Amino acid sequence: MRLEYTLAGLCAGLLLSLNALAAELPQRWVSAGGAATEWVVALGGEQRLVGVDTTSQHPASLAALPSVGYQRQLSAEGVLTLTPDLLLGTEEMGPPPVLSQLQNAGVRIEQLSAASDLAVLEDNLQRLGELLGEPQRAQAALDDYRQRLGHLQQQISAIQAHTEAPGVLLLIGQGGSNPLVAGRGTLADWLLDQAGARNLAGHEGYKTLSSEALAALDADWLVVTDRQLRGTEMQQALLAQNPALAHSRVVREGHLLTLDPTLLTGGLGPRLPATLEQLAQTFYPDLQPLSADARR
């Protein structure tokens, strides 16, 4: 009987400890940054979100939440009206005076890194796992992420042993205006490399190039994204703005791909492995789709 009382006491103590731990975790979150928000949802924390920024568009259920504006142009008033315990984002979040004002008002600020690096992603997921009380779920998500990318790289390496990597440009437009070309050191550059492509842009960061310069690079594929336009409308606006490109080989061959712009916001997000697989299968038609077993 004494043993039963002891066990019951231990169980009650453990339950109280777990309840106390859950109470200490932030319960009302505002998230500013597409990738960070998507990870919160992927790790089971969507019910804690009380507001998101305009780059947080996935999953579609987030559209029902109040918007706090663009991640780089947050207003303290807009965030404070939602009475959050925590504001989550990356170093892209700002402006700094607003973050200071929110912190002084008692809002906890958590800034993850937006760097396109798996070691950084590991740190980000570990931190999110702690904040959500889901460390094992975060580790499982990281393991799956690494495994999928590793398997894809094995397939690409095998094909590249006898096939040249395609030359690709990734263009980011804004309502049909002259697009920015993604160069070295960008998330877009990392994405192209992971998908088995050669980024033909040799500059650092993002830069505008003339229509003639774009055509002269003679890309095998163009990957195009626009923050305002989508699909055919986006492609038509790009070619209207760049007439020399409209007569290039890549356009004649119909090698234009569209990309969701939110995939390039806030670092490595949970949708990137699937996007990389789709791009790689387009660049290399002989590439076999990943099986469910290979993703485990």
Protein backbone atom coordinates (compact mmCIF):
# COMPACT_ATOMS: atom_id res chain seq x y z
CA MET A 1 0.00 0.00 0.00
CA ARG A 2 2.86 2.36 0.89
CA LEU A 3 4.38 1.70 -2.57
CA GLU A 4 1.08 2.61 -4.25
CA TYR A 5 0.95 5.92 -2.36
CA THR A 6 4.55 6.62 -3.32
CA LEU A 7 3.89 5.97 -7.01
CA ALA A 8 0.74 8.06 -6.92
CA GLY A 9 2.66 10.90 -5.34
CA LEU A 10 5.38 10.70 -7.99
CA CYS A 11 2.83 10.73 -10.79
CA ALA A 12 1.03 13.70 -9.29
CA GLY A 13 4.33 15.54 -8.90
CA LEU A 14 5.29 14.82 -12.51
CA LEU A 15 1.90 16.03 -13.74
CA LEU A 16 2.25 19.25 -11.75
CA SER A 17 5.74 19.78 -13.15
CA LEU A 18 4.53 19.28 -16.73
CA ASN A 19 1.63 21.68 -16.17
CA ALA A 20 3.98 24.26 -14.69
CA LEU A 21 6.34 23.89 -17.66
CA ALA A 22 3.48 24.33 -20.14
CA ALA A 23 2.33 27.43 -18.27
CA GLU A 24 5.81 28.96 -18.58
CA LEU A 25 5.89 28.52 -22.36
CA PRO A 26 4.65 31.49 -24.42
CA GLN A 27 1.03 30.90 -25.40
CA ARG A 28 0.21 33.89 -27.64
CA TRP A 29 2.55 34.22 -30.61
CA VAL A 30 2.90 36.74 -33.42
CA SER A 31 5.12 35.41 -36.19
CA ALA A 32 6.78 37.64 -38.80
CA GLY A 33 8.56 35.64 -41.49
CA GLY A 34 7.21 32.97 -43.81
CA ALA A 35 9.63 30.14 -43.01
CA ALA A 36 9.50 30.70 -39.24
CA THR A 37 5.69 30.72 -39.26
CA GLU A 38 5.56 27.54 -41.34
CA TRP A 39 7.84 25.79 -38.87
CA VAL A 40 5.60 26.82 -35.98
CA VAL A 41 2.68 25.19 -37.78
CA ALA A 42 4.70 22.11 -38.75
CA LEU A 43 5.69 21.59 -35.11
CA GLY A 44 2.08 21.76 -33.92
CA GLY A 45 1.96 25.35 -32.72
CA GLU A 46 -0.63 26.90 -35.05
CA GLN A 47 -3.15 27.27 -32.23
CA ARG A 48 -0.75 29.63 -30.46
CA LEU A 49 -0.57 32.08 -33.36
CA VAL A 50 -2.65 35.21 -32.83
CA GLY A 51 -1.18 37.20 -35.74
CA VAL A 52 1.20 36.86 -38.69
CA ASP A 53 2.93 39.08 -41.24
CA THR A 54 2.19 39.31 -44.96
CA THR A 55 4.90 36.78 -45.92
CA SER A 56 3.25 34.10 -43.76
CA GLN A 57 0.80 32.66 -46.28
CA HIS A 58 1.13 28.90 -45.74
CA PRO A 59 -0.94 27.03 -44.77
CA ALA A 60 -4.02 28.80 -46.11
CA SER A 61 -5.66 28.70 -42.66
CA LEU A 62 -3.31 31.53 -41.58
CA ALA A 63 -5.34 33.93 -43.73
CA ALA A 64 -7.94 33.99 -40.94
CA LEU A 65 -5.44 35.56 -38.52
CA PRO A 66 -4.89 39.32 -38.13
CA SER A 67 -2.00 40.71 -40.20
CA VAL A 68 0.75 42.81 -38.63
CA GLY A 69 2.05 44.00 -42.02
CA TYR A 70 5.34 43.29 -43.74
CA GLN A 71 8.06 41.74 -41.58
CA ARG A 72 10.57 44.55 -42.18
CA GLN A 73 8.04 47.31 -41.49
CA LEU A 74 6.21 46.23 -38.34
CA SER A 75 4.37 48.76 -36.20
CA ALA A 76 4.42 48.45 -32.42
CA GLU A 77 0.74 49.38 -32.17
CA GLY A 78 -0.33 46.67 -34.61
CA VAL A 79 1.53 43.99 -32.68
CA LEU A 80 0.56 45.20 -29.19
CA THR A 81 -3.17 45.17 -30.00
CA LEU A 82 -2.87 41.38 -30.22
CA THR A 83 -1.38 41.18 -26.69
CA PRO A 84 1.26 38.59 -27.63
CA ASP A 85 3.63 36.89 -25.22
CA LEU A 86 6.18 36.44 -27.98
CA LEU A 87 7.12 37.97 -31.34
CA LEU A 88 8.94 35.47 -33.54
CA GLY A 89 10.96 36.33 -36.63
CA THR A 90 14.47 36.46 -38.05
CA GLU A 91 17.14 39.14 -38.44
CA GLU A 92 15.04 40.31 -41.41
CA MET A 93 12.36 41.48 -38.95
CA GLY A 94 12.20 45.15 -38.00
CA PRO A 95 12.67 48.01 -37.88
CA PRO A 96 14.95 47.88 -34.79
CA PRO A 97 13.27 50.82 -32.96
CA VAL A 98 9.94 49.00 -33.13
CA LEU A 99 11.48 45.82 -31.74
CA SER A 100 12.97 47.80 -28.87
CA GLN A 101 9.60 49.43 -28.19
CA LEU A 102 7.87 46.04 -28.12
CA GLN A 103 10.50 44.58 -25.83
CA ASN A 104 10.11 47.52 -23.44
CA ALA A 105 6.38 46.84 -23.45
CA GLY A 106 7.02 43.31 -22.19
CA VAL A 107 6.83 41.36 -25.46
CA ARG A 108 9.43 38.63 -25.70
CA ILE A 109 11.40 38.88 -28.95
CA GLU A 110 12.85 35.74 -30.55
CA GLN A 111 14.91 36.18 -33.71
CA LEU A 112 16.03 33.09 -35.59
CA SER A 113 18.62 33.12 -38.35
CA ALA A 114 17.53 33.30 -41.98
CA ALA A 115 20.87 31.92 -43.24
CA SER A 116 20.57 29.12 -45.82
CA ASP A 117 22.54 26.53 -43.91
CA LEU A 118 21.49 23.20 -42.40
CA ALA A 119 23.49 23.84 -39.22
CA VAL A 120 21.51 27.08 -38.78
CA LEU A 121 18.26 25.22 -39.40
CA GLU A 122 19.23 22.75 -36.68
CA ASP A 123 19.69 25.61 -34.22
CA ASN A 124 16.40 27.21 -35.29
CA LEU A 125 14.39 24.01 -34.89
CA GLN A 126 16.00 23.25 -31.56
CA ARG A 127 14.98 26.70 -30.29
CA LEU A 128 11.44 26.38 -31.66
CA GLY A 129 11.15 22.92 -30.14
CA GLU A 130 12.04 24.40 -26.75
CA LEU A 131 9.62 27.32 -27.09
CA LEU A 132 6.77 25.04 -28.15
CA GLY A 133 7.57 22.25 -25.71
CA GLU A 134 8.08 19.89 -28.68
CA PRO A 135 11.82 19.05 -28.77
CA GLN A 136 11.34 15.51 -30.06
CA ARG A 137 9.01 16.66 -32.81
CA ALA A 138 11.54 19.31 -33.85
CA GLN A 139 14.35 16.74 -33.96
CA ALA A 140 12.22 14.38 -36.06
CA ALA A 141 11.47 17.21 -38.51
CA LEU A 142 15.18 18.02 -38.81
CA ASP A 143 16.10 14.36 -39.36
CA ASP A 144 13.50 14.04 -42.12
CA TYR A 145 14.72 17.28 -43.73
CA ARG A 146 18.34 16.13 -43.77
CA GLN A 147 17.43 12.72 -45.10
CA ARG A 148 15.37 14.06 -47.97
CA LEU A 149 18.06 16.52 -49.03
CA GLY A 150 20.76 13.88 -48.69
CA HIS A 151 18.88 11.39 -50.83
CA LEU A 152 18.22 14.05 -53.48
CA GLN A 153 21.90 14.99 -53.58
CA GLN A 154 22.85 11.34 -54.10
CA GLN A 155 20.50 11.10 -57.07
CA ILE A 156 21.73 14.37 -58.58
CA SER A 157 25.39 13.38 -58.18
CA ALA A 158 24.75 10.09 -59.95
CA ILE A 159 23.10 11.83 -62.91
CA GLN A 160 25.72 14.59 -63.08
CA ALA A 161 28.38 11.92 -63.56
CA HIS A 162 27.20 11.75 -67.18
CA THR A 163 25.01 14.87 -67.56
CA GLU A 164 26.06 18.51 -67.42
CA ALA A 165 24.29 20.66 -64.84
CA PRO A 166 21.88 23.13 -66.49
CA GLY A 167 22.64 26.84 -66.35
CA VAL A 168 19.79 28.61 -64.55
CA LEU A 169 18.81 32.16 -63.57
CA LEU A 170 16.39 32.96 -60.79
CA LEU A 171 14.56 36.27 -61.20
CA ILE A 172 12.54 38.10 -58.55
CA GLY A 173 10.04 40.65 -59.84
CA GLN A 174 7.76 43.19 -58.22
CA GLY A 175 4.58 43.75 -60.17
CA GLY A 176 6.27 43.27 -63.54
CA SER A 177 9.10 45.73 -62.86
CA ASN A 178 12.68 45.04 -63.90
CA PRO A 179 13.51 41.91 -61.88
CA LEU A 180 16.33 41.29 -59.45
CA VAL A 181 18.67 38.47 -60.41
CA ALA A 182 19.66 36.20 -57.52
CA GLY A 183 23.42 35.92 -57.21
CA ARG A 184 25.87 34.25 -54.84
CA GLY A 185 25.20 34.07 -51.13
CA THR A 186 21.41 34.19 -51.44
CA LEU A 187 18.80 31.65 -50.45
CA ALA A 188 17.88 31.46 -54.14
CA ASP A 189 21.47 30.51 -54.98
CA TRP A 190 21.37 27.77 -52.34
CA LEU A 191 18.08 26.54 -53.78
CA LEU A 192 19.47 26.29 -57.32
CA ASP A 193 22.58 24.49 -56.12
CA GLN A 194 20.58 21.98 -54.08
CA ALA A 195 18.38 21.31 -57.13
CA GLY A 196 21.48 20.48 -59.21
CA ALA A 197 21.66 23.69 -61.27
CA ARG A 198 24.49 26.12 -62.04
CA ASN A 199 23.58 29.67 -61.10
CA LEU A 200 24.72 31.74 -64.09
CA ALA A 201 24.67 34.97 -62.07
CA GLY A 202 28.19 35.65 -60.86
CA HIS A 203 27.49 38.68 -58.69
CA GLU A 204 26.86 38.71 -54.94
CA GLY A 205 23.36 39.21 -53.56
CA TYR A 206 20.52 40.52 -55.73
CA LYS A 207 21.10 42.80 -58.68
CA THR A 208 19.20 44.12 -61.69
CA LEU A 209 20.55 43.25 -65.14
CA SER A 210 19.59 44.69 -68.49
CA SER A 211 17.39 42.76 -70.87
CA GLU A 212 20.39 42.26 -73.15
CA ALA A 213 22.59 41.01 -70.31
CA LEU A 214 19.95 38.48 -69.28
CA ALA A 215 19.62 37.18 -72.82
CA ALA A 216 23.42 37.01 -73.26
CA LEU A 217 23.75 34.62 -70.31
CA ASP A 218 21.86 32.07 -72.47
CA ALA A 219 20.24 30.19 -69.61
CA ASP A 220 18.87 26.69 -70.01
CA TRP A 221 16.09 27.52 -67.55
CA LEU A 222 14.57 30.62 -65.98
CA VAL A 223 12.98 30.37 -62.56
CA VAL A 224 10.76 33.38 -62.03
CA THR A 225 8.94 34.66 -58.97
CA ASP A 226 7.02 37.88 -58.37
CA ARG A 227 5.68 39.32 -55.14
CA GLN A 228 2.53 40.64 -56.84
CA LEU A 229 1.90 38.73 -60.08
CA ARG A 230 1.37 35.02 -60.61
CA GLY A 231 1.47 32.48 -63.42
CA THR A 232 0.99 33.57 -67.01
CA GLU A 233 0.46 37.20 -66.03
CA MET A 234 3.85 37.23 -64.34
CA GLN A 235 5.63 35.71 -67.34
CA GLN A 236 3.97 38.13 -69.77
CA ALA A 237 5.00 41.10 -67.63
CA LEU A 238 8.59 39.84 -67.44
CA LEU A 239 8.90 39.46 -71.21
CA ALA A 240 7.23 42.80 -71.88
CA GLN A 241 9.79 44.46 -69.61
CA ASN A 242 12.68 42.53 -71.19
CA PRO A 243 12.14 42.35 -74.98
CA ALA A 244 15.60 40.91 -75.69
CA LEU A 245 14.85 38.07 -73.31
CA ALA A 246 11.58 37.40 -75.13
CA HIS A 247 13.55 36.19 -78.15
CA SER A 248 16.09 34.11 -76.23
CA ARG A 249 16.58 30.37 -76.48
CA VAL A 250 15.20 29.72 -73.01
CA VAL A 251 11.90 31.40 -73.90
CA ARG A 252 11.69 29.75 -77.32
CA GLU A 253 12.08 26.37 -75.65
CA GLY A 254 9.48 27.21 -73.03
CA HIS A 255 11.90 26.67 -70.15
CA LEU A 256 10.28 29.13 -67.75
CA LEU A 257 9.38 27.95 -64.27
CA THR A 258 7.41 29.87 -61.65
CA LEU A 259 8.20 29.84 -57.95
CA ASP A 260 6.19 30.88 -54.91
CA PRO A 261 7.97 34.00 -53.57
CA THR A 262 7.25 33.08 -49.95
CA LEU A 263 9.66 30.15 -50.31
CA LEU A 264 12.51 32.69 -50.34
CA THR A 265 11.49 34.49 -47.13
CA GLY A 266 13.02 33.84 -43.74
CA GLY A 267 15.48 31.04 -44.41
CA LEU A 268 15.02 27.31 -44.90
CA GLY A 269 11.34 26.48 -44.55
CA PRO A 270 9.56 23.12 -44.38
CA ARG A 271 8.30 23.26 -47.99
CA LEU A 272 11.76 23.53 -49.54
CA PRO A 273 12.57 19.80 -49.81
CA ALA A 274 9.47 19.19 -51.94
CA THR A 275 10.26 22.26 -54.06
CA LEU A 276 13.84 21.09 -54.60
CA GLU A 277 12.63 17.66 -55.65
CA GLN A 278 10.25 19.22 -58.20
CA LEU A 279 12.94 21.52 -59.61
CA ALA A 280 15.48 18.71 -59.84
CA GLN A 281 13.00 16.46 -61.63
CA THR A 282 12.40 19.26 -64.13
CA PHE A 283 16.12 19.89 -64.69
CA TYR A 284 16.82 16.15 -64.89
CA PRO A 285 13.87 14.24 -66.39
CA ASP A 286 15.58 10.91 -65.63
CA LEU A 287 15.60 11.66 -61.91
CA GLN A 288 13.36 9.28 -60.04
CA PRO A 289 10.74 10.80 -57.71
CA LEU A 290 11.48 10.15 -54.06
CA SER A 291 9.53 7.22 -52.68
CA ALA A 292 7.82 7.38 -49.31
CA ASP A 293 10.43 4.97 -47.94
CA ALA A 294 13.29 7.19 -49.09
CA ARG A 295 11.80 10.14 -47.18
CA ARG A 296 11.79 8.33 -43.87
